[in-house]
Every structure is written in structure tokens, then in C-alpha cells.
N, C-alpha and C. Protein backbone atom coordinates (compact mmCIF):
# COMPACT_ATOMS: atom_id res chain seq x y z
N MET A 1 -30.99 -25.39 54.36
CA MET A 1 -30.37 -26.33 53.78
C MET A 1 -31.08 -25.77 52.13
N ARG A 2 -30.25 -25.54 51.54
CA ARG A 2 -30.89 -24.89 50.04
C ARG A 2 -31.40 -25.94 49.62
N GLN A 3 -32.33 -25.11 48.24
CA GLN A 3 -33.41 -26.16 47.46
C GLN A 3 -32.37 -26.42 46.25
N VAL A 4 -33.19 -27.38 45.58
CA VAL A 4 -32.19 -26.96 43.83
C VAL A 4 -33.32 -27.51 43.42
N ASP A 5 -33.28 -26.36 42.76
CA ASP A 5 -34.24 -26.54 41.35
C ASP A 5 -34.28 -27.40 40.23
N ASP A 6 -34.14 -28.27 40.04
CA ASP A 6 -33.85 -29.16 38.74
C ASP A 6 -34.20 -28.56 37.23
N VAL A 7 -35.34 -28.07 37.35
CA VAL A 7 -35.31 -27.94 36.05
C VAL A 7 -34.76 -25.96 35.51
N LEU A 8 -34.33 -25.21 37.19
CA LEU A 8 -33.28 -24.53 36.39
C LEU A 8 -32.21 -24.87 36.04
N LEU A 9 -31.51 -25.90 36.72
CA LEU A 9 -30.36 -26.17 36.42
C LEU A 9 -30.04 -26.40 35.18
N HIS A 10 -31.51 -27.57 34.88
CA HIS A 10 -31.66 -27.93 33.42
C HIS A 10 -30.96 -27.10 32.52
N ARG A 11 -32.49 -26.15 32.96
CA ARG A 11 -32.63 -24.46 31.29
C ARG A 11 -31.16 -24.09 31.86
N ASP A 12 -30.54 -23.67 32.14
CA ASP A 12 -29.48 -23.01 32.81
C ASP A 12 -28.31 -23.88 32.31
N ASN A 13 -28.03 -24.80 31.87
CA ASN A 13 -26.93 -26.31 31.46
C ASN A 13 -27.14 -25.65 30.09
N ARG A 14 -28.91 -25.94 29.67
CA ARG A 14 -28.77 -26.07 28.30
C ARG A 14 -28.57 -24.62 27.13
N GLN A 15 -28.91 -23.38 28.08
CA GLN A 15 -28.24 -22.06 27.72
C GLN A 15 -26.89 -22.16 27.63
N GLY A 16 -25.74 -22.72 28.33
CA GLY A 16 -24.70 -22.49 28.26
C GLY A 16 -24.51 -23.71 27.47
N ARG A 17 -24.65 -24.65 27.10
CA ARG A 17 -24.40 -25.96 25.69
C ARG A 17 -24.27 -24.97 24.60
N TYR A 18 -25.31 -24.29 24.45
CA TYR A 18 -26.33 -22.87 23.42
C TYR A 18 -25.04 -21.87 22.86
N GLU A 19 -24.98 -21.32 24.17
CA GLU A 19 -23.46 -20.48 23.89
C GLU A 19 -22.46 -20.61 23.69
N HIS A 20 -21.89 -21.68 23.65
CA HIS A 20 -20.66 -23.02 24.02
C HIS A 20 -20.45 -23.02 22.51
N ALA A 21 -21.40 -23.72 21.71
CA ALA A 21 -21.94 -24.34 20.63
C ALA A 21 -21.47 -23.06 19.82
N ARG A 22 -22.43 -22.07 20.07
CA ARG A 22 -22.36 -20.58 19.17
C ARG A 22 -20.54 -20.27 19.40
N TRP A 23 -19.99 -20.54 20.15
CA TRP A 23 -18.71 -19.39 20.85
C TRP A 23 -17.72 -20.35 19.82
N VAL A 24 -17.75 -21.69 19.84
CA VAL A 24 -16.79 -22.62 18.91
C VAL A 24 -16.92 -22.49 17.50
N GLU A 25 -18.50 -22.13 17.17
CA GLU A 25 -19.02 -21.98 15.67
C GLU A 25 -18.03 -20.73 15.14
N ASP A 26 -18.26 -19.31 16.05
CA ASP A 26 -17.50 -18.42 16.07
C ASP A 26 -16.34 -18.34 16.06
N VAL A 27 -15.27 -19.58 16.79
CA VAL A 27 -13.77 -19.34 16.70
C VAL A 27 -13.40 -19.65 15.82
N ALA A 28 -14.17 -20.96 15.13
CA ALA A 28 -14.00 -21.95 13.88
C ALA A 28 -13.93 -20.91 12.67
N ARG A 29 -14.83 -19.82 12.61
CA ARG A 29 -15.04 -18.76 11.66
C ARG A 29 -13.94 -18.09 11.57
N TRP A 30 -13.69 -17.62 12.67
CA TRP A 30 -12.52 -16.15 13.13
C TRP A 30 -11.03 -16.96 12.81
N GLU A 31 -11.07 -17.86 12.99
CA GLU A 31 -10.08 -18.36 12.45
C GLU A 31 -9.70 -18.87 11.09
N ALA A 32 -10.93 -19.19 10.60
CA ALA A 32 -10.57 -18.81 8.89
C ALA A 32 -10.70 -18.15 8.41
N GLU A 33 -10.99 -16.55 8.93
CA GLU A 33 -11.27 -15.44 8.36
C GLU A 33 -9.97 -14.95 8.51
N HIS A 34 -8.95 -15.74 9.94
CA HIS A 34 -7.94 -14.73 10.42
C HIS A 34 -6.72 -15.15 9.25
N ALA A 35 -6.59 -16.63 9.24
CA ALA A 35 -6.25 -17.14 7.79
C ALA A 35 -5.98 -16.73 6.29
N GLN A 36 -7.42 -16.41 6.00
CA GLN A 36 -7.58 -15.36 4.84
C GLN A 36 -7.11 -14.34 5.32
N ALA A 37 -6.66 -13.52 6.14
CA ALA A 37 -5.81 -12.28 6.26
C ALA A 37 -4.91 -12.26 6.19
N ALA A 38 -4.34 -13.49 6.74
CA ALA A 38 -3.08 -13.35 6.54
C ALA A 38 -2.91 -13.68 5.39
N ALA A 39 -3.54 -14.53 4.78
CA ALA A 39 -2.56 -14.41 3.06
C ALA A 39 -3.18 -13.36 2.15
N TRP A 40 -4.04 -12.08 2.88
CA TRP A 40 -4.55 -11.32 2.14
C TRP A 40 -3.16 -10.15 2.41
N LEU A 41 -2.60 -10.10 3.58
CA LEU A 41 -1.79 -9.49 4.21
C LEU A 41 -0.27 -9.71 3.86
N LEU A 42 0.12 -11.27 3.39
CA LEU A 42 1.38 -11.43 2.21
C LEU A 42 1.08 -10.94 0.85
N GLY A 43 -0.34 -11.21 0.32
CA GLY A 43 -0.12 -9.75 -0.77
C GLY A 43 0.17 -9.07 -0.45
N VAL A 44 -0.61 -7.98 0.41
CA VAL A 44 -0.23 -6.77 0.99
C VAL A 44 1.14 -6.13 0.58
N GLN A 45 1.80 -7.48 1.73
CA GLN A 45 3.45 -7.19 1.56
C GLN A 45 3.90 -7.06 0.29
N GLU A 46 3.49 -8.06 -0.52
CA GLU A 46 4.20 -8.02 -1.64
C GLU A 46 3.77 -7.28 -2.71
N SER A 47 3.15 -6.38 -2.57
CA SER A 47 2.31 -5.54 -3.11
C SER A 47 3.27 -3.79 -2.95
N TRP A 48 3.47 -4.03 -1.61
CA TRP A 48 3.85 -2.84 -1.07
C TRP A 48 5.47 -2.80 -1.89
N ASP A 49 5.58 -4.23 -1.54
CA ASP A 49 7.51 -4.23 -1.59
C ASP A 49 7.76 -4.12 -3.23
N ARG A 50 6.56 -4.17 -4.24
CA ARG A 50 6.44 -4.06 -5.97
C ARG A 50 6.78 -2.80 -6.43
N THR A 51 5.58 -1.71 -5.41
CA THR A 51 5.34 -0.46 -5.04
C THR A 51 6.64 0.35 -4.89
N GLU A 52 6.73 0.05 -4.04
CA GLU A 52 8.14 0.12 -3.48
C GLU A 52 9.72 0.38 -4.34
N ALA A 53 9.71 -0.85 -5.11
CA ALA A 53 10.70 -1.16 -6.52
C ALA A 53 10.42 -0.19 -7.23
N ALA A 54 9.11 0.21 -7.90
CA ALA A 54 8.42 0.95 -8.84
C ALA A 54 8.70 2.46 -8.43
N MET A 55 8.87 2.74 -6.77
CA MET A 55 8.92 3.80 -6.71
C MET A 55 10.45 4.32 -6.75
N ARG A 56 11.36 3.48 -6.50
CA ARG A 56 12.83 3.77 -6.39
C ARG A 56 13.37 3.52 -7.87
N ALA A 57 12.41 2.99 -8.75
CA ALA A 57 13.23 2.81 -10.09
C ALA A 57 12.43 4.46 -10.64
N HIS A 58 11.45 5.22 -10.01
CA HIS A 58 11.23 6.15 -10.53
C HIS A 58 11.85 6.85 -9.98
N GLY A 59 12.25 7.09 -9.15
CA GLY A 59 12.80 8.12 -8.38
C GLY A 59 14.18 8.12 -9.02
N ARG A 60 15.38 7.20 -9.18
CA ARG A 60 15.85 6.90 -10.08
C ARG A 60 16.01 7.92 -11.73
N LEU A 61 15.20 7.37 -11.94
CA LEU A 61 14.70 7.67 -13.52
C LEU A 61 14.55 9.24 -13.64
N VAL A 62 13.83 9.73 -12.61
CA VAL A 62 14.06 11.46 -12.79
C VAL A 62 14.62 11.82 -12.43
N ARG A 63 15.76 11.24 -11.44
CA ARG A 63 17.36 12.06 -11.46
C ARG A 63 18.10 12.37 -12.80
N ALA A 64 17.72 10.77 -13.50
CA ALA A 64 18.87 10.50 -14.83
C ALA A 64 17.79 11.60 -15.66
N HIS A 65 16.50 12.05 -15.83
CA HIS A 65 15.78 13.07 -16.57
C HIS A 65 16.67 14.41 -16.06
N GLU A 66 16.58 14.61 -15.14
CA GLU A 66 16.77 16.28 -14.47
C GLU A 66 18.98 15.83 -15.19
N LEU A 67 19.18 14.84 -14.56
CA LEU A 67 20.71 15.56 -15.25
C LEU A 67 21.31 15.55 -16.86
N ARG A 68 19.94 15.08 -17.81
CA ARG A 68 20.18 15.04 -18.81
C ARG A 68 19.58 16.74 -19.52
N LEU A 69 18.48 17.21 -18.94
CA LEU A 69 17.92 18.15 -19.16
C LEU A 69 19.07 19.05 -18.75
N LEU A 70 19.75 18.80 -17.00
CA LEU A 70 20.83 20.31 -17.21
C LEU A 70 21.92 20.03 -17.87
N ARG A 71 22.17 18.82 -18.72
CA ARG A 71 22.90 19.01 -19.62
C ARG A 71 22.44 19.29 -21.37
N HIS A 72 21.65 18.98 -21.49
CA HIS A 72 20.60 19.76 -22.71
C HIS A 72 20.78 21.28 -22.62
N GLU A 73 20.37 21.84 -21.25
CA GLU A 73 20.68 23.58 -21.29
C GLU A 73 21.88 23.47 -21.80
N LYS A 74 22.96 23.30 -20.69
CA LYS A 74 24.48 23.30 -21.08
C LYS A 74 24.58 23.74 -22.62
N ALA A 75 24.19 22.70 -23.21
CA ALA A 75 24.55 22.63 -24.83
C ALA A 75 23.86 23.66 -25.26
N ILE A 76 23.11 24.18 -25.17
CA ILE A 76 22.36 24.94 -25.41
C ILE A 76 22.73 25.96 -25.38
N SER A 77 22.79 26.23 -24.38
CA SER A 77 23.84 27.74 -23.66
C SER A 77 24.95 27.70 -24.75
N ASP A 78 26.09 26.52 -24.64
CA ASP A 78 27.28 26.69 -25.00
C ASP A 78 27.31 27.12 -27.12
N SER A 79 26.14 26.39 -27.46
CA SER A 79 26.40 26.30 -28.88
C SER A 79 25.42 28.19 -29.34
N TRP A 80 24.79 28.78 -28.50
CA TRP A 80 24.30 29.78 -28.72
C TRP A 80 24.75 30.94 -29.56
N PHE A 81 26.18 31.71 -29.59
CA PHE A 81 26.62 32.14 -30.08
C PHE A 81 27.27 31.53 -31.71
N ASP A 82 28.11 30.44 -31.52
CA ASP A 82 28.57 29.60 -32.46
C ASP A 82 28.38 28.31 -32.74
N GLY A 83 27.38 28.15 -32.36
CA GLY A 83 26.59 26.27 -32.98
C GLY A 83 25.99 26.58 -35.10
N SER A 84 26.51 25.60 -34.88
CA SER A 84 26.14 24.99 -36.71
C SER A 84 24.90 24.89 -36.69
N ASP A 85 24.26 25.28 -37.72
CA ASP A 85 22.99 24.82 -37.61
C ASP A 85 22.52 23.88 -37.58
N ALA A 86 23.62 22.49 -38.25
CA ALA A 86 22.81 21.04 -38.02
C ALA A 86 23.08 21.15 -36.29
N GLU A 87 24.12 21.52 -35.66
CA GLU A 87 24.30 22.04 -34.04
C GLU A 87 22.57 22.03 -33.81
N HIS A 88 22.26 23.26 -33.83
CA HIS A 88 20.97 23.78 -33.15
C HIS A 88 19.92 22.48 -34.23
N GLU A 89 19.84 21.80 -34.92
CA GLU A 89 19.36 21.17 -35.51
C GLU A 89 19.21 19.82 -34.72
N ARG A 90 20.08 19.55 -34.24
CA ARG A 90 20.25 18.29 -33.55
C ARG A 90 19.67 18.84 -32.02
N LEU A 91 19.91 20.06 -31.82
CA LEU A 91 19.47 20.30 -30.23
C LEU A 91 17.86 20.38 -30.23
N ALA A 92 17.48 20.67 -31.28
CA ALA A 92 15.81 21.08 -31.18
C ALA A 92 15.19 19.71 -31.26
N THR A 93 15.69 18.69 -32.17
CA THR A 93 15.52 17.29 -32.14
C THR A 93 15.64 16.35 -30.84
N GLU A 94 16.37 16.92 -30.33
CA GLU A 94 16.78 16.24 -28.67
C GLU A 94 15.80 17.36 -27.74
N HIS A 95 15.77 18.25 -28.29
CA HIS A 95 14.60 19.19 -27.11
C HIS A 95 13.10 18.41 -27.08
N GLU A 96 12.63 17.88 -28.48
CA GLU A 96 11.22 17.38 -28.71
C GLU A 96 11.35 15.93 -28.02
N ARG A 97 12.41 14.78 -27.94
CA ARG A 97 12.89 13.68 -27.18
C ARG A 97 12.80 13.93 -25.62
N LEU A 98 13.47 14.76 -25.40
CA LEU A 98 13.16 15.32 -23.68
C LEU A 98 11.65 15.88 -23.36
N LEU A 99 10.78 16.79 -24.33
CA LEU A 99 9.69 16.77 -23.86
C LEU A 99 8.61 15.72 -23.97
N ALA A 100 8.58 15.24 -24.85
CA ALA A 100 8.04 13.71 -24.88
C ALA A 100 7.85 12.78 -23.68
N ARG A 101 9.58 12.77 -23.31
CA ARG A 101 9.82 11.78 -22.46
C ARG A 101 9.54 12.34 -20.95
N HIS A 102 9.77 13.53 -20.73
CA HIS A 102 9.10 14.28 -19.77
C HIS A 102 7.36 14.15 -19.74
N LYS A 103 6.93 14.37 -20.64
CA LYS A 103 5.17 13.91 -20.61
C LYS A 103 5.20 12.49 -20.03
N GLU A 104 5.87 11.40 -20.57
CA GLU A 104 5.53 10.18 -19.99
C GLU A 104 6.47 10.15 -18.43
N ILE A 105 7.63 10.63 -17.73
CA ILE A 105 7.27 10.23 -16.87
C ILE A 105 6.49 11.19 -15.71
N GLU A 106 5.96 12.43 -16.90
CA GLU A 106 5.01 13.17 -15.50
C GLU A 106 3.98 12.04 -15.21
N GLU A 107 3.20 11.47 -16.30
CA GLU A 107 1.98 10.44 -16.61
C GLU A 107 2.57 9.12 -15.32
N VAL A 108 3.39 8.70 -15.37
CA VAL A 108 3.65 7.53 -14.80
C VAL A 108 4.01 8.24 -12.77
N HIS A 109 4.58 9.57 -13.09
CA HIS A 109 4.64 10.49 -11.39
C HIS A 109 3.22 10.22 -11.01
N GLU A 110 2.38 10.78 -11.59
CA GLU A 110 0.98 11.21 -11.29
C GLU A 110 0.64 9.91 -11.01
N ARG A 111 0.38 9.31 -11.86
CA ARG A 111 -0.11 7.87 -11.07
C ARG A 111 0.36 6.79 -9.84
N LEU A 112 2.18 6.90 -9.36
CA LEU A 112 2.58 7.09 -8.22
C LEU A 112 1.89 7.78 -7.29
N ARG A 113 1.94 9.06 -7.74
CA ARG A 113 1.15 9.86 -6.16
C ARG A 113 0.41 9.44 -6.29
N GLU A 114 -0.76 9.43 -7.07
CA GLU A 114 -2.36 8.89 -6.64
C GLU A 114 -2.23 7.39 -5.71
N HIS A 115 -1.50 6.33 -6.13
CA HIS A 115 -1.57 5.14 -5.74
C HIS A 115 -1.17 5.85 -3.89
N HIS A 116 0.30 6.16 -3.82
CA HIS A 116 0.82 6.37 -2.64
C HIS A 116 0.07 7.53 -1.85
N GLU A 117 -0.64 8.39 -2.16
CA GLU A 117 -1.43 9.08 -1.55
C GLU A 117 -3.12 8.12 -0.83
N ALA A 118 -3.66 7.09 -1.68
CA ALA A 118 -4.68 6.38 -1.34
C ALA A 118 -4.09 5.61 -1.00
N ILE A 119 -2.87 5.19 -1.03
CA ILE A 119 -2.56 4.14 0.81
C ILE A 119 -2.11 4.73 1.39
N MET A 120 -1.46 5.69 1.93
CA MET A 120 -1.25 6.51 3.31
C MET A 120 -2.18 6.79 3.93
N ALA A 121 -3.20 7.04 3.24
CA ALA A 121 -5.11 7.75 3.83
C ALA A 121 -5.38 6.28 4.57
N GLU A 122 -5.31 5.75 3.81
CA GLU A 122 -5.66 3.99 4.55
C GLU A 122 -4.95 3.73 5.98
N ILE A 123 -3.84 3.23 5.50
CA ILE A 123 -2.90 2.97 6.46
C ILE A 123 -3.81 3.29 8.08
N PRO A 124 -3.24 4.70 8.51
CA PRO A 124 -3.47 4.90 10.01
C PRO A 124 -5.13 4.10 10.34
N GLU A 125 -6.17 4.03 9.34
CA GLU A 125 -7.75 3.91 9.64
C GLU A 125 -7.01 1.91 10.16
N LEU A 126 -6.26 1.45 8.92
CA LEU A 126 -6.46 0.16 9.49
C LEU A 126 -5.39 -0.41 10.71
N LEU A 127 -4.22 0.65 11.03
CA LEU A 127 -3.59 0.66 12.37
C LEU A 127 -4.80 0.94 13.15
N LYS A 128 -5.18 1.96 13.32
CA LYS A 128 -6.38 2.34 14.58
C LYS A 128 -7.24 1.06 14.82
N ILE A 129 -7.73 0.51 13.70
CA ILE A 129 -8.33 -0.40 13.51
C ILE A 129 -7.82 -1.72 14.20
N SER A 130 -6.98 -2.10 13.79
CA SER A 130 -6.32 -3.95 13.78
C SER A 130 -5.36 -3.97 15.50
N LEU A 131 -4.59 -2.47 16.16
CA LEU A 131 -4.41 -2.16 17.46
C LEU A 131 -5.03 -2.15 18.04
N GLU A 132 -5.71 -0.98 18.15
CA GLU A 132 -6.25 -0.57 18.98
C GLU A 132 -8.04 -1.39 20.09
N GLY A 133 -7.36 -2.46 20.66
CA GLY A 133 -8.47 -3.18 21.40
C GLY A 133 -8.46 -4.75 20.60
N ALA A 134 -7.68 -4.89 19.59
CA ALA A 134 -7.89 -5.59 18.67
C ALA A 134 -7.86 -7.27 19.51
N MET A 135 -7.29 -6.95 20.56
CA MET A 135 -7.05 -8.36 21.09
C MET A 135 -7.30 -8.13 22.44
N VAL A 136 -8.05 -8.78 23.06
CA VAL A 136 -8.87 -9.35 24.27
C VAL A 136 -8.40 -10.61 24.97
N GLN A 137 -7.16 -9.79 25.96
CA GLN A 137 -6.51 -10.64 26.57
C GLN A 137 -7.14 -11.37 28.13
N GLU A 138 -7.30 -12.84 27.63
CA GLU A 138 -7.92 -13.70 29.44
C GLU A 138 -7.26 -14.25 29.79
N THR A 139 -7.58 -14.48 30.96
CA THR A 139 -6.69 -15.67 31.81
C THR A 139 -7.67 -16.75 31.69
N LEU A 140 -6.87 -18.24 31.76
CA LEU A 140 -7.73 -19.33 31.98
C LEU A 140 -7.43 -19.74 32.81
N ALA A 141 -8.16 -19.84 33.46
CA ALA A 141 -8.32 -20.92 35.11
C ALA A 141 -8.11 -22.30 35.31
């Protein structure tokens, strides 16, 4: 016949209650933190969508600017020998405007490039942390 040590049983039960209380607190905190993270991720998705829209608009702008530069270059070539002074002046003025616009586009392009590279550098780390072992599966008996 096995002898029961009531003191040990009570100590084990008290320790178990303490651990369970801590686990309940942990789970409540985790649930609140996950809810906050879900809100942050929604904000990230909205920001991602805005960035993608800005990137696409920038791409359209770059292509349109390239076409304007090609047309300008052709106009310069066409007027090279037989263009009037007024035409050469108009092309020079247009050229200055295109240079200024080119500089504006370049500045936007650089900001988008830096933003894109920063995001793309962080995403693999976030995925590694969130996808590898982030979920502990347990079976309830």
C-alpha cells in the first residue's frame, strides 16, 4: 500500500495553481498583444497598398517623361539645320522645363527606392520570425 504525503500533495497543487494563474495572465496578455498586432498589420496592409499605388503612378510618370524626352530629342534633331530662331528658343525653354521635371522625378524616385529597399530588407526577417515555429500545436486531451 502506497502512503500519501498530504503536505507534498498540497504543495504540488499550490504550485500548479500558481503556474495556471500565470499562464492565464500570459494568454490574456498575448491575446491583447495579438489584437494590437492585427490592427498594426491592417495598417501595414493599408500602407503597403498606398505605397504600391504610388509606385505604379511613379512608373507611369517615368514612362510618360521618357516619351516627352524622346519627342523633345526628335524635335531638336528635326530643327537642327532649318529651325527658326523662335523654334530654337522654344526648344531651349522646353529643355529647361524637362530638366527641372527630370530632377523632381529623380528625387521622388530616390525616396521610393530607399523606402522599397528598407521594406524589402525587413520582410524576410519578419517572415522568418512569424512563420518558423510561431505556432505551437498541442492536442487537448
